[in-house]
Amino acid sequence: MKKIVLFISITLFGYIGWWIGENVGLMTAYLVSMGGSLVGVVAGVKFNQRYLS
């Protein structure tokens, strides 16, 4: 279950980052998406620690 939550949070935050950065350009969308994925990792781990452990 923990891996599924982590996968979903990385995908969701990565997509949000891409959506925010795509208005500027392709490389910006890629970089902001990577940052969003990093935020997704942190959010997924925190969620797992708080609610699934």
PDB file of N, CA and C in Angstrom:
ATOM      1  N   MET A   1       0.825  -1.195   0.000  1.00  0.00           N
ATOM      2  CA  MET A   1       0.000   0.000   0.000  1.00  0.00           C
ATOM      3  C   MET A   1       0.866   1.255   0.000  1.00  0.00           C
ATOM      4  N   LYS A   2       1.992   1.199   0.708  1.00  0.00           N
ATOM      5  CA  LYS A   2       2.851   2.378   0.789  1.00  0.00           C
ATOM      6  C   LYS A   2       3.416   2.757  -0.576  1.00  0.00           C
ATOM      7  N   LYS A   3       3.784   1.765  -1.373  1.00  0.00           N
ATOM      8  CA  LYS A   3       4.336   2.043  -2.698  1.00  0.00           C
ATOM      9  C   LYS A   3       3.281   2.621  -3.624  1.00  0.00           C
ATOM     10  N   ILE A   4       2.051   2.176  -3.478  1.00  0.00           N
ATOM     11  CA  ILE A   4       0.962   2.698  -4.305  1.00  0.00           C
ATOM     12  C   ILE A   4       0.704   4.169  -3.974  1.00  0.00           C
ATOM     13  N   VAL A   5       0.679   4.495  -2.688  1.00  0.00           N
ATOM     14  CA  VAL A   5       0.465   5.887  -2.271  1.00  0.00           C
ATOM     15  C   VAL A   5       1.605   6.756  -2.770  1.00  0.00           C
ATOM     16  N   LEU A   6       2.833   6.263  -2.676  1.00  0.00           N
ATOM     17  CA  LEU A   6       3.983   7.023  -3.151  1.00  0.00           C
ATOM     18  C   LEU A   6       3.920   7.234  -4.664  1.00  0.00           C
ATOM     19  N   PHE A   7       3.565   6.200  -5.399  1.00  0.00           N
ATOM     20  CA  PHE A   7       3.438   6.314  -6.853  1.00  0.00           C
ATOM     21  C   PHE A   7       2.374   7.332  -7.240  1.00  0.00           C
ATOM     22  N   ILE A   8       1.231   7.293  -6.569  1.00  0.00           N
ATOM     23  CA  ILE A   8       0.136   8.219  -6.875  1.00  0.00           C
ATOM     24  C   ILE A   8       0.537   9.656  -6.545  1.00  0.00           C
ATOM     25  N   SER A   9       1.188   9.862  -5.402  1.00  0.00           N
ATOM     26  CA  SER A   9       1.561  11.229  -5.027  1.00  0.00           C
ATOM     27  C   SER A   9       2.637  11.790  -5.952  1.00  0.00           C
ATOM     28  N   ILE A  10       3.614  10.974  -6.362  1.00  0.00           N
ATOM     29  CA  ILE A  10       4.637  11.438  -7.299  1.00  0.00           C
ATOM     30  C   ILE A  10       3.999  11.800  -8.636  1.00  0.00           C
ATOM     31  N   THR A  11       3.103  10.949  -9.123  1.00  0.00           N
ATOM     32  CA  THR A  11       2.446  11.198 -10.400  1.00  0.00           C
ATOM     33  C   THR A  11       1.585  12.458 -10.347  1.00  0.00           C
ATOM     34  N   LEU A  12       0.827  12.614  -9.289  1.00  0.00           N
ATOM     35  CA  LEU A  12      -0.070  13.761  -9.156  1.00  0.00           C
ATOM     36  C   LEU A  12       0.700  15.072  -9.067  1.00  0.00           C
ATOM     37  N   PHE A  13       1.689  15.129  -8.185  1.00  0.00           N
ATOM     38  CA  PHE A  13       2.442  16.366  -8.032  1.00  0.00           C
ATOM     39  C   PHE A  13       3.316  16.648  -9.252  1.00  0.00           C
ATOM     40  N   GLY A  14       3.820  15.614  -9.903  1.00  0.00           N
ATOM     41  CA  GLY A  14       4.571  15.812 -11.142  1.00  0.00           C
ATOM     42  C   GLY A  14       3.707  16.391 -12.237  1.00  0.00           C
ATOM     43  N   TYR A  15       2.482  15.893 -12.347  1.00  0.00           N
ATOM     44  CA  TYR A  15       1.558  16.436 -13.346  1.00  0.00           C
ATOM     45  C   TYR A  15       1.202  17.889 -13.044  1.00  0.00           C
ATOM     46  N   ILE A  16       0.976  18.195 -11.781  1.00  0.00           N
ATOM     47  CA  ILE A  16       0.664  19.578 -11.412  1.00  0.00           C
ATOM     48  C   ILE A  16       1.832  20.493 -11.755  1.00  0.00           C
ATOM     49  N   GLY A  17       3.054  20.034 -11.493  1.00  0.00           N
ATOM     50  CA  GLY A  17       4.228  20.820 -11.850  1.00  0.00           C
ATOM     51  C   GLY A  17       4.339  21.030 -13.343  1.00  0.00           C
ATOM     52  N   TRP A  18       4.051  19.989 -14.112  1.00  0.00           N
ATOM     53  CA  TRP A  18       4.101  20.115 -15.575  1.00  0.00           C
ATOM     54  C   TRP A  18       3.051  21.120 -16.048  1.00  0.00           C
ATOM     55  N   TRP A  19       1.870  21.030 -15.489  1.00  0.00           N
ATOM     56  CA  TRP A  19       0.779  21.923 -15.870  1.00  0.00           C
ATOM     57  C   TRP A  19       1.130  23.381 -15.577  1.00  0.00           C
ATOM     58  N   ILE A  20       1.797  23.626 -14.456  1.00  0.00           N
ATOM     59  CA  ILE A  20       2.201  24.990 -14.109  1.00  0.00           C
ATOM     60  C   ILE A  20       3.298  25.480 -15.047  1.00  0.00           C
ATOM     61  N   GLY A  21       4.285  24.627 -15.349  1.00  0.00           N
ATOM     62  CA  GLY A  21       5.427  25.063 -16.130  1.00  0.00           C
ATOM     63  C   GLY A  21       5.235  25.073 -17.624  1.00  0.00           C
ATOM     64  N   GLU A  22       4.191  24.427 -18.140  1.00  0.00           N
ATOM     65  CA  GLU A  22       4.038  24.330 -19.586  1.00  0.00           C
ATOM     66  C   GLU A  22       3.715  25.653 -20.252  1.00  0.00           C
ATOM     67  N   ASN A  23       3.254  26.625 -19.505  1.00  0.00           N
ATOM     68  CA  ASN A  23       2.942  27.927 -20.090  1.00  0.00           C
ATOM     69  C   ASN A  23       4.202  28.684 -20.492  1.00  0.00           C
ATOM     70  N   VAL A  24       5.341  28.352 -19.877  1.00  0.00           N
ATOM     71  CA  VAL A  24       6.584  29.050 -20.166  1.00  0.00           C
ATOM     72  C   VAL A  24       7.336  28.363 -21.293  1.00  0.00           C
ATOM     73  N   GLY A  25       7.474  27.045 -21.205  1.00  0.00           N
ATOM     74  CA  GLY A  25       8.196  26.313 -22.240  1.00  0.00           C
ATOM     75  C   GLY A  25       8.387  24.864 -21.834  1.00  0.00           C
ATOM     76  N   LEU A  26       8.937  24.094 -22.749  1.00  0.00           N
ATOM     77  CA  LEU A  26       9.095  22.663 -22.527  1.00  0.00           C
ATOM     78  C   LEU A  26      10.104  22.360 -21.421  1.00  0.00           C
ATOM     79  N   MET A  27      11.252  23.016 -21.435  1.00  0.00           N
ATOM     80  CA  MET A  27      12.266  22.752 -20.421  1.00  0.00           C
ATOM     81  C   MET A  27      11.805  23.210 -19.045  1.00  0.00           C
ATOM     82  N   THR A  28      11.115  24.320 -18.990  1.00  0.00           N
ATOM     83  CA  THR A  28      10.567  24.786 -17.721  1.00  0.00           C
ATOM     84  C   THR A  28       9.537  23.805 -17.190  1.00  0.00           C
ATOM     85  N   ALA A  29       8.704  23.283 -18.067  1.00  0.00           N
ATOM     86  CA  ALA A  29       7.711  22.295 -17.646  1.00  0.00           C
ATOM     87  C   ALA A  29       8.393  21.058 -17.083  1.00  0.00           C
ATOM     88  N   TYR A  30       9.478  20.632 -17.726  1.00  0.00           N
ATOM     89  CA  TYR A  30      10.215  19.462 -17.253  1.00  0.00           C
ATOM     90  C   TYR A  30      10.825  19.708 -15.874  1.00  0.00           C
ATOM     91  N   LEU A  31      11.463  20.860 -15.696  1.00  0.00           N
ATOM     92  CA  LEU A  31      12.116  21.162 -14.422  1.00  0.00           C
ATOM     93  C   LEU A  31      11.100  21.354 -13.291  1.00  0.00           C
ATOM     94  N   VAL A  32      10.019  22.038 -13.570  1.00  0.00           N
ATOM     95  CA  VAL A  32       8.993  22.233 -12.543  1.00  0.00           C
ATOM     96  C   VAL A  32       8.320  20.898 -12.221  1.00  0.00           C
ATOM     97  N   SER A  33       8.178  20.030 -13.210  1.00  0.00           N
ATOM     98  CA  SER A  33       7.622  18.702 -12.982  1.00  0.00           C
ATOM     99  C   SER A  33       8.534  17.874 -12.080  1.00  0.00           C
ATOM    100  N   MET A  34       9.846  17.996 -12.276  1.00  0.00           N
ATOM    101  CA  MET A  34      10.777  17.287 -11.392  1.00  0.00           C
ATOM    102  C   MET A  34      10.658  17.792  -9.962  1.00  0.00           C
ATOM    103  N   GLY A  35      10.525  19.116  -9.815  1.00  0.00           N
ATOM    104  CA  GLY A  35      10.317  19.677  -8.475  1.00  0.00           C
ATOM    105  C   GLY A  35       9.008  19.214  -7.864  1.00  0.00           C
ATOM    106  N   GLY A  36       7.976  19.143  -8.682  1.00  0.00           N
ATOM    107  CA  GLY A  36       6.689  18.640  -8.193  1.00  0.00           C
ATOM    108  C   GLY A  36       6.765  17.185  -7.789  1.00  0.00           C
ATOM    109  N   SER A  37       7.531  16.397  -8.526  1.00  0.00           N
ATOM    110  CA  SER A  37       7.708  14.998  -8.159  1.00  0.00           C
ATOM    111  C   SER A  37       8.443  14.866  -6.828  1.00  0.00           C
ATOM    112  N   LEU A  38       9.419  15.734  -6.601  1.00  0.00           N
ATOM    113  CA  LEU A  38      10.125  15.726  -5.326  1.00  0.00           C
ATOM    114  C   LEU A  38       9.178  16.071  -4.179  1.00  0.00           C
ATOM    115  N   VAL A  39       8.322  17.051  -4.394  1.00  0.00           N
ATOM    116  CA  VAL A  39       7.311  17.390  -3.391  1.00  0.00           C
ATOM    117  C   VAL A  39       6.368  16.206  -3.185  1.00  0.00           C
ATOM    118  N   GLY A  40       6.059  15.478  -4.255  1.00  0.00           N
ATOM    119  CA  GLY A  40       5.213  14.294  -4.147  1.00  0.00           C
ATOM    120  C   GLY A  40       5.848  13.196  -3.321  1.00  0.00           C
ATOM    121  N   VAL A  41       7.160  13.039  -3.438  1.00  0.00           N
ATOM    122  CA  VAL A  41       7.859  12.048  -2.611  1.00  0.00           C
ATOM    123  C   VAL A  41       7.732  12.417  -1.139  1.00  0.00           C
ATOM    124  N   VAL A  42       7.994  13.681  -0.830  1.00  0.00           N
ATOM    125  CA  VAL A  42       7.919  14.125   0.564  1.00  0.00           C
ATOM    126  C   VAL A  42       6.496  13.981   1.099  1.00  0.00           C
ATOM    127  N   ALA A  43       5.514  14.398   0.304  1.00  0.00           N
ATOM    128  CA  ALA A  43       4.120  14.304   0.738  1.00  0.00           C
ATOM    129  C   ALA A  43       3.686  12.851   0.897  1.00  0.00           C
ATOM    130  N   GLY A  44       4.123  11.978  -0.013  1.00  0.00           N
ATOM    131  CA  GLY A  44       3.769  10.563   0.089  1.00  0.00           C
ATOM    132  C   GLY A  44       4.370   9.900   1.305  1.00  0.00           C
ATOM    133  N   VAL A  45       5.630  10.222   1.607  1.00  0.00           N
ATOM    134  CA  VAL A  45       6.279   9.641   2.790  1.00  0.00           C
ATOM    135  C   VAL A  45       5.604  10.137   4.058  1.00  0.00           C
ATOM    136  N   LYS A  46       5.311  11.432   4.112  1.00  0.00           N
ATOM    137  CA  LYS A  46       4.618  11.982   5.290  1.00  0.00           C
ATOM    138  C   LYS A  46       3.241  11.340   5.477  1.00  0.00           C
ATOM    139  N   PHE A  47       2.523  11.158   4.374  1.00  0.00           N
ATOM    140  CA  PHE A  47       1.204  10.523   4.442  1.00  0.00           C
ATOM    141  C   PHE A  47       1.328   9.091   4.958  1.00  0.00           C
ATOM    142  N   ASN A  48       2.310   8.368   4.433  1.00  0.00           N
ATOM    143  CA  ASN A  48       2.521   6.992   4.875  1.00  0.00           C
ATOM    144  C   ASN A  48       2.873   6.925   6.366  1.00  0.00           C
ATOM    145  N   GLN A  49       3.715   7.814   6.828  1.00  0.00           N
ATOM    146  CA  GLN A  49       4.111   7.811   8.234  1.00  0.00           C
ATOM    147  C   GLN A  49       2.941   8.165   9.138  1.00  0.00           C
ATOM    148  N   ARG A  50       2.138   9.110   8.687  1.00  0.00           N
ATOM    149  CA  ARG A  50       1.059   9.590   9.536  1.00  0.00           C
ATOM    150  C   ARG A  50      -0.146   8.649   9.567  1.00  0.00           C
ATOM    151  N   TYR A  51      -0.530   8.116   8.416  1.00  0.00           N
ATOM    152  CA  TYR A  51      -1.799   7.394   8.338  1.00  0.00           C
ATOM    153  C   TYR A  51      -1.669   5.881   8.109  1.00  0.00           C
ATOM    154  N   LEU A  52      -0.537   5.408   7.616  1.00  0.00           N
ATOM    155  CA  LEU A  52      -0.441   3.991   7.288  1.00  0.00           C
ATOM    156  C   LEU A  52       0.527   3.216   8.188  1.00  0.00           C
ATOM    157  N   SER A  53       1.201   3.900   9.089  1.00  0.00           N
ATOM    158  CA  SER A  53       2.139   3.192   9.963  1.00  0.00           C
ATOM    159  C   SER A  53       1.543   2.940  11.323  1.00  0.00           C
TER     160      SER A  53
END
